[in-house]
Amino acid sequence: MIYIFVLMVISGVIAYMGDALGTWVGKKRLTVFGLRPRITALVVAISTGILITLLTLGVATILSEDVRTALFSMDTLRQDIDKLQAETRGLEQTRNRLEQEKKDLAEDVKRLTSQVRIKETESVVFRKDEPLSVCVISTGRRPEEVMKELTTLIINLTDKVRRRGVKVKDEIEFFTENKEQLNLMAAHIASSSQDLVVGAVAAENINTGEELGNVRFLVLPNNLIFNRNQEIASIEIDGSNDRGQIARALKEFMDEMNHEVVKLGMIANPLTGRFGDISSDSMISFFDMVNRIRELNRKIILVAVVPEDTYAIGPLNVTFRFEETGESVYSTGGNE
């Protein structure tokens, strides 16, 4: 701001001096270079304007670096701007190309990860915590009788893993290495006052061609979970909804029932947290239920019933009954 004020003052002083000088030259009728007095006064006025402009530019150039750059480096600046704009366009193109390459690489990583997961899944025959062999040993057995049951369990285990391409030690060698643990298990089972579920599970993932590694033994009470004809769950479903909504409601109902059953003591599948896998027959029954509910086209109550006494070892057989205002309208069997 101070620079503008200084320039205004200097320009005003020069203008005043030029006007006074022109007036004085006119009155004295002076001449320059033989020119007429009137022309001489005009030359003085023009020279004063030129001097104001030159002085203004000179002072501005001294006081401001931006003015110096604008006056003496404008062409260079234009060239630099054009060069920078060209570089910017090149960088934009490079960025777009790199972004596309990034997307392509992400797709490649996703595809390769999927392939690796498939390969790993194909080679794994037993997963961690997956049951290799399970049996129920009744209460009241002597230790030697329990040991025979455990021997059968081990033989079934080794036969199963060999059929799946897993290397396993000789049964005699296995018993020799685990003799102390097996004896303790036999004594514990023989002293139990209730039936027990005895299972051998994989301590880690086992691949085809590998040797059977650590095996953990589980001993759990084979408790009675459900009595015969016991209703275990129910849900209200609106048959006027579309099939997709009905199917989702049924799926959520079965998932919730699975979780509750596992909480009650059923032995769960370690991979899914469920007590069984859906077979093709079960899928047919599932979609049959969806269609039957849709055909009813009104709200109904779906009740899950256990038709027989069910223990912790399973399996859990479930029949489904459709009810409306307290009356059974349809029932179907199922094996969860």
Protein backbone atom coordinates (compact mmCIF):
# COMPACT_ATOMS: atom_id res chain seq x y z
CA MET A 1 0.00 0.00 0.00
CA ILE A 2 2.86 2.41 0.84
CA TYR A 3 4.34 1.83 -2.62
CA ILE A 4 1.16 3.04 -4.34
CA PHE A 5 1.04 6.13 -2.14
CA VAL A 6 4.69 7.02 -2.97
CA LEU A 7 4.01 6.60 -6.70
CA MET A 8 0.95 8.86 -6.50
CA VAL A 9 2.90 11.60 -4.71
CA ILE A 10 5.84 11.47 -7.13
CA SER A 11 3.53 11.43 -10.18
CA GLY A 12 1.59 14.40 -8.82
CA VAL A 13 4.78 16.40 -8.19
CA ILE A 14 6.10 15.70 -11.68
CA ALA A 15 2.75 16.56 -13.26
CA TYR A 16 2.64 19.85 -11.35
CA MET A 17 6.22 20.72 -12.32
CA GLY A 18 5.51 19.83 -15.95
CA ASP A 19 2.41 22.03 -16.01
CA ALA A 20 4.24 24.92 -14.39
CA LEU A 21 7.18 24.53 -16.79
CA GLY A 22 4.85 24.42 -19.80
CA THR A 23 3.05 27.59 -18.58
CA TRP A 24 6.34 29.38 -18.04
CA VAL A 25 7.65 28.35 -21.47
CA GLY A 26 4.39 29.55 -23.07
CA LYS A 27 4.53 32.94 -21.33
CA LYS A 28 8.18 33.48 -22.20
CA ARG A 29 7.49 32.30 -25.74
CA LEU A 30 10.66 30.21 -25.59
CA THR A 31 11.68 27.93 -28.42
CA VAL A 32 13.57 24.62 -28.57
CA PHE A 33 15.38 23.44 -31.67
CA GLY A 34 13.91 26.37 -33.57
CA LEU A 35 10.33 25.22 -32.96
CA ARG A 36 7.47 27.68 -32.54
CA PRO A 37 6.64 28.60 -28.90
CA ARG A 38 3.30 26.76 -29.03
CA ILE A 39 4.95 23.58 -30.30
CA THR A 40 7.72 23.96 -27.69
CA ALA A 41 5.09 24.06 -24.88
CA LEU A 42 3.45 20.91 -26.34
CA VAL A 43 6.83 19.11 -26.41
CA VAL A 44 7.39 20.06 -22.76
CA ALA A 45 3.95 18.63 -21.78
CA ILE A 46 4.53 15.40 -23.71
CA SER A 47 8.00 15.01 -22.20
CA THR A 48 6.51 15.46 -18.73
CA GLY A 49 4.00 12.60 -19.35
CA ILE A 50 6.76 10.36 -20.64
CA LEU A 51 8.89 11.21 -17.61
CA ILE A 52 5.99 10.33 -15.28
CA THR A 53 5.56 6.95 -16.94
CA LEU A 54 9.30 6.17 -16.87
CA LEU A 55 9.66 7.28 -13.29
CA THR A 56 6.61 5.22 -12.24
CA LEU A 57 7.97 2.11 -13.91
CA GLY A 58 11.43 2.72 -12.47
CA VAL A 59 10.22 3.16 -8.91
CA ALA A 60 7.89 0.14 -9.24
CA THR A 61 10.74 -1.94 -10.64
CA ILE A 62 13.00 -0.97 -7.74
CA LEU A 63 10.35 -1.59 -5.09
CA SER A 64 8.69 -4.81 -6.43
CA GLU A 65 10.30 -8.01 -7.63
CA ASP A 66 7.00 -9.04 -9.26
CA VAL A 67 7.10 -5.92 -11.47
CA ARG A 68 10.70 -6.65 -12.48
CA THR A 69 9.68 -10.18 -13.38
CA ALA A 70 6.67 -8.99 -15.38
CA LEU A 71 8.71 -6.42 -17.32
CA PHE A 72 11.87 -8.38 -18.07
CA SER A 73 11.00 -12.10 -17.71
CA MET A 74 7.46 -12.45 -19.13
CA ASP A 75 8.52 -14.48 -22.17
CA THR A 76 10.55 -16.82 -19.96
CA LEU A 77 7.58 -17.15 -17.61
CA ARG A 78 5.26 -18.04 -20.49
CA GLN A 79 7.72 -20.68 -21.68
CA ASP A 80 8.00 -22.06 -18.13
CA ILE A 81 4.19 -22.11 -17.78
CA ASP A 82 3.79 -23.92 -21.09
CA LYS A 83 6.46 -26.41 -20.04
CA LEU A 84 4.82 -26.98 -16.65
CA GLN A 85 1.40 -27.45 -18.26
CA ALA A 86 2.87 -30.04 -20.62
CA GLU A 87 4.54 -31.81 -17.68
CA THR A 88 1.25 -31.69 -15.76
CA ARG A 89 -0.60 -33.31 -18.65
CA GLY A 90 2.11 -35.97 -18.83
CA LEU A 91 1.84 -36.60 -15.08
CA GLU A 92 -1.96 -36.87 -15.37
CA GLN A 93 -1.57 -39.48 -18.08
CA THR A 94 1.02 -41.33 -15.97
CA ARG A 95 -1.29 -41.22 -12.95
CA ASN A 96 -4.21 -42.58 -14.96
CA ARG A 97 -2.00 -45.34 -16.34
CA LEU A 98 -0.71 -46.23 -12.84
CA GLU A 99 -4.27 -46.29 -11.47
CA GLN A 100 -5.31 -48.66 -14.22
CA GLU A 101 -2.25 -50.83 -13.52
CA LYS A 102 -3.16 -50.77 -9.82
CA LYS A 103 -6.68 -51.99 -10.63
CA ASP A 104 -5.28 -54.71 -12.89
CA LEU A 105 -2.83 -55.80 -10.17
CA ALA A 106 -5.62 -55.86 -7.57
CA GLU A 107 -7.65 -58.12 -9.86
CA ASP A 108 -4.59 -60.36 -10.36
CA VAL A 109 -4.00 -60.55 -6.59
CA LYS A 110 -7.66 -61.40 -6.01
CA ARG A 111 -7.57 -64.09 -8.70
CA LEU A 112 -4.29 -65.58 -7.43
CA THR A 113 -5.51 -65.51 -3.82
CA SER A 114 -8.63 -67.36 -4.89
CA GLN A 115 -6.53 -69.93 -6.75
CA VAL A 116 -4.23 -70.41 -3.74
CA ARG A 117 -7.25 -70.82 -1.45
CA ILE A 118 -8.71 -73.39 -3.81
CA LYS A 119 -5.41 -75.28 -3.94
CA GLU A 120 -5.10 -75.20 -0.17
CA THR A 121 -8.67 -76.41 0.22
CA GLU A 122 -8.09 -79.20 -2.29
CA SER A 123 -5.02 -80.47 -0.43
CA VAL A 124 -6.50 -80.26 3.09
CA VAL A 125 -8.32 -83.48 3.94
CA PHE A 126 -8.85 -82.82 7.66
CA ARG A 127 -9.09 -79.38 9.22
CA LYS A 128 -8.10 -78.32 12.70
CA ASP A 129 -10.59 -79.55 15.34
CA GLU A 130 -12.36 -81.77 12.82
CA PRO A 131 -13.47 -85.11 14.36
CA LEU A 132 -11.49 -88.05 12.98
CA SER A 133 -13.39 -90.72 14.88
CA VAL A 134 -16.15 -90.62 17.52
CA CYS A 135 -17.89 -93.22 19.65
CA VAL A 136 -20.09 -93.51 22.72
CA ILE A 137 -18.87 -95.63 25.64
CA SER A 138 -21.59 -96.70 28.05
CA THR A 139 -21.28 -96.35 31.78
CA GLY A 140 -20.46 -99.34 34.02
CA ARG A 141 -17.61 -100.69 31.84
CA ARG A 142 -14.43 -102.08 33.35
CA PRO A 143 -11.11 -100.39 32.35
CA GLU A 144 -10.10 -103.33 30.12
CA GLU A 145 -13.48 -103.17 28.35
CA VAL A 146 -13.07 -99.44 27.88
CA MET A 147 -9.59 -100.06 26.44
CA LYS A 148 -11.12 -102.38 23.83
CA GLU A 149 -13.53 -99.62 22.86
CA LEU A 150 -10.63 -97.17 22.58
CA THR A 151 -8.73 -99.71 20.46
CA THR A 152 -11.65 -99.92 18.05
CA LEU A 153 -11.77 -96.11 17.99
CA ILE A 154 -8.06 -95.94 17.06
CA ILE A 155 -8.41 -98.60 14.36
CA ASN A 156 -11.35 -96.75 12.82
CA LEU A 157 -9.34 -93.55 12.96
CA THR A 158 -6.29 -95.00 11.18
CA ASP A 159 -8.45 -96.68 8.54
CA LYS A 160 -10.26 -93.41 7.83
CA VAL A 161 -7.13 -91.26 7.47
CA ARG A 162 -5.38 -93.87 5.30
CA ARG A 163 -8.35 -93.91 2.92
CA ARG A 164 -8.01 -90.11 2.62
CA GLY A 165 -4.35 -90.30 1.64
CA VAL A 166 -2.81 -89.44 5.01
CA LYS A 167 0.18 -91.36 6.32
CA VAL A 168 -0.29 -92.91 9.75
CA LYS A 169 1.86 -94.94 12.10
CA ASP A 170 1.20 -98.57 12.83
CA GLU A 171 -1.51 -99.06 15.45
CA ILE A 172 0.84 -100.92 17.79
CA GLU A 173 3.37 -98.09 17.61
CA PHE A 174 0.60 -95.58 18.23
CA PHE A 175 -0.60 -97.45 21.32
CA THR A 176 2.96 -97.74 22.60
CA GLU A 177 3.61 -94.00 22.30
CA ASN A 178 0.24 -93.05 23.87
CA LYS A 179 -0.06 -95.89 26.38
CA GLU A 180 0.01 -93.69 29.47
CA GLN A 181 -2.62 -91.27 28.12
CA LEU A 182 -4.89 -94.09 26.96
CA ASN A 183 -4.68 -95.83 30.34
CA LEU A 184 -5.65 -92.61 32.12
CA MET A 185 -8.56 -92.12 29.71
CA ALA A 186 -9.75 -95.70 30.24
CA ALA A 187 -9.66 -95.29 34.03
CA HIS A 188 -11.53 -91.98 33.85
CA ILE A 189 -14.21 -93.36 31.52
CA ALA A 190 -14.66 -96.52 33.62
CA SER A 191 -15.26 -94.40 36.73
CA SER A 192 -17.89 -92.22 35.05
CA SER A 193 -21.50 -92.50 36.16
CA GLN A 194 -22.92 -91.64 32.72
CA ASP A 195 -22.34 -92.46 29.08
CA LEU A 196 -19.48 -90.53 27.49
CA VAL A 197 -18.72 -89.36 23.99
CA VAL A 198 -15.09 -90.10 23.15
CA GLY A 199 -13.63 -88.45 20.07
CA ALA A 200 -10.28 -87.98 18.37
CA VAL A 201 -9.87 -84.63 16.60
CA ALA A 202 -7.10 -83.18 14.45
CA ALA A 203 -4.90 -80.72 16.35
CA GLU A 204 -4.00 -78.96 13.07
CA ASN A 205 -4.82 -79.00 9.35
CA ILE A 206 -3.76 -82.26 7.69
CA ASN A 207 -2.94 -82.33 3.96
CA THR A 208 -2.92 -85.22 1.53
CA GLY A 209 0.38 -87.10 1.69
CA GLU A 210 1.32 -85.73 5.11
CA GLU A 211 1.82 -87.85 8.20
CA LEU A 212 -0.90 -87.75 10.83
CA GLY A 213 0.36 -85.32 13.45
CA ASN A 214 -0.94 -84.53 16.89
CA VAL A 215 -4.36 -85.93 17.75
CA ARG A 216 -6.40 -84.60 20.64
CA PHE A 217 -8.89 -86.77 22.50
CA LEU A 218 -12.16 -85.37 23.80
CA VAL A 219 -14.25 -86.96 26.52
CA LEU A 220 -17.70 -85.37 26.93
CA PRO A 221 -20.89 -86.49 28.66
CA ASN A 222 -23.46 -87.84 26.21
CA ASN A 223 -26.28 -85.92 27.81
CA LEU A 224 -29.88 -86.18 26.73
CA ILE A 225 -30.51 -82.93 24.89
CA PHE A 226 -34.10 -83.38 23.67
CA ASN A 227 -36.89 -85.74 24.59
CA ARG A 228 -39.07 -87.50 22.04
CA ASN A 229 -41.70 -85.26 20.38
CA GLN A 230 -40.24 -82.18 22.06
CA GLU A 231 -40.93 -78.85 20.36
CA ILE A 232 -37.62 -76.99 20.21
CA ALA A 233 -38.39 -73.80 18.25
CA SER A 234 -41.13 -71.96 16.37
CA ILE A 235 -41.48 -68.94 14.13
CA GLU A 236 -44.31 -67.00 12.50
CA ILE A 237 -43.90 -66.63 8.72
CA ASP A 238 -46.09 -64.62 6.38
CA GLY A 239 -46.93 -66.76 3.34
CA SER A 240 -48.07 -63.71 1.38
CA ASN A 241 -44.44 -62.56 1.05
CA ASP A 242 -42.41 -63.49 -2.02
CA ARG A 243 -40.36 -66.70 -2.04
CA GLY A 244 -37.09 -64.88 -1.44
CA GLN A 245 -38.35 -63.33 1.81
CA ILE A 246 -39.80 -66.65 2.94
CA ALA A 247 -36.54 -68.47 2.17
CA ARG A 248 -34.52 -65.87 4.12
CA ALA A 249 -36.85 -66.17 7.09
CA LEU A 250 -36.53 -69.97 7.04
CA LYS A 251 -32.74 -69.78 6.71
CA GLU A 252 -32.46 -67.37 9.67
CA PHE A 253 -34.78 -69.60 11.70
CA MET A 254 -32.68 -72.73 11.02
CA ASP A 255 -29.41 -70.89 11.72
CA GLU A 256 -30.76 -69.63 15.04
CA MET A 257 -31.98 -73.12 15.89
CA ASN A 258 -28.53 -74.54 15.08
CA HIS A 259 -26.78 -72.09 17.38
CA GLU A 260 -29.21 -72.75 20.23
CA VAL A 261 -28.84 -76.52 19.87
CA VAL A 262 -25.04 -76.27 20.00
CA LYS A 263 -25.33 -74.12 23.14
CA LEU A 264 -27.41 -76.87 24.74
CA GLY A 265 -24.58 -79.38 24.31
CA MET A 266 -24.85 -80.92 20.85
CA ILE A 267 -21.42 -81.63 19.35
CA ALA A 268 -20.91 -79.00 16.66
CA ASN A 269 -19.12 -79.20 13.35
CA PRO A 270 -15.94 -77.12 13.96
CA LEU A 271 -16.01 -75.72 10.42
CA THR A 272 -19.54 -74.36 10.45
CA GLY A 273 -20.60 -74.23 14.10
CA ARG A 274 -23.59 -76.37 13.11
CA PHE A 275 -24.49 -79.94 14.04
CA GLY A 276 -24.68 -81.14 10.47
CA ASP A 277 -24.48 -80.19 6.81
CA ILE A 278 -27.46 -79.68 4.49
CA SER A 279 -27.75 -82.60 2.10
CA SER A 280 -29.42 -82.47 -1.31
CA ASP A 281 -32.52 -84.11 0.22
CA SER A 282 -32.60 -81.45 2.92
CA MET A 283 -32.37 -78.73 0.27
CA ILE A 284 -35.32 -80.27 -1.55
CA SER A 285 -37.30 -80.32 1.70
CA PHE A 286 -36.27 -76.71 2.35
CA PHE A 287 -37.53 -75.45 -1.00
CA ASP A 288 -40.61 -77.64 -0.67
CA MET A 289 -41.41 -75.84 2.58
CA VAL A 290 -40.88 -72.46 0.91
CA ASN A 291 -43.34 -73.41 -1.83
CA ARG A 292 -45.91 -74.82 0.61
CA ILE A 293 -45.77 -71.66 2.74
CA ARG A 294 -46.14 -69.50 -0.37
CA GLU A 295 -49.13 -71.57 -1.52
CA LEU A 296 -50.87 -71.01 1.84
CA ASN A 297 -50.57 -67.25 1.19
CA ARG A 298 -51.20 -66.27 4.82
CA LYS A 299 -49.43 -66.13 8.16
CA ILE A 300 -48.60 -69.52 9.68
CA ILE A 301 -46.58 -70.84 12.61
CA LEU A 302 -43.65 -73.14 11.74
CA VAL A 303 -42.82 -75.48 14.64
CA ALA A 304 -39.67 -77.63 14.84
CA VAL A 305 -40.19 -80.94 16.65
CA VAL A 306 -37.69 -83.67 17.62
CA PRO A 307 -39.37 -87.06 16.92
CA GLU A 308 -37.01 -89.13 19.10
CA ASP A 309 -34.74 -88.86 22.14
CA THR A 310 -31.60 -87.01 21.06
CA TYR A 311 -28.24 -87.08 22.81
CA ALA A 312 -25.15 -84.88 22.51
CA ILE A 313 -23.52 -87.08 19.90
CA GLY A 314 -26.53 -86.66 17.59
CA PRO A 315 -27.69 -86.78 14.97
CA LEU A 316 -30.53 -84.36 15.41
CA ASN A 317 -33.60 -85.34 13.38
CA VAL A 318 -36.19 -82.59 13.10
CA THR A 319 -39.70 -82.56 11.69
CA PHE A 320 -41.48 -79.31 10.88
CA ARG A 321 -45.15 -78.71 11.54
CA PHE A 322 -47.22 -75.86 10.14
CA GLU A 323 -49.88 -74.52 12.50
CA GLU A 324 -52.66 -72.00 12.15
CA THR A 325 -54.89 -70.89 15.03
CA GLY A 326 -53.80 -73.93 17.02
CA GLU A 327 -54.45 -76.45 14.22
CA SER A 328 -51.85 -78.38 12.30
CA VAL A 329 -52.12 -77.69 8.56
CA TYR A 330 -48.99 -79.43 7.24
CA SER A 331 -45.99 -81.31 8.55
CA THR A 332 -42.74 -82.46 6.98
CA GLY A 333 -39.69 -84.36 8.10
CA GLY A 334 -36.10 -83.23 8.04
CA ASN A 335 -32.65 -84.26 9.19
CA GLU A 336 -30.47 -81.41 10.40
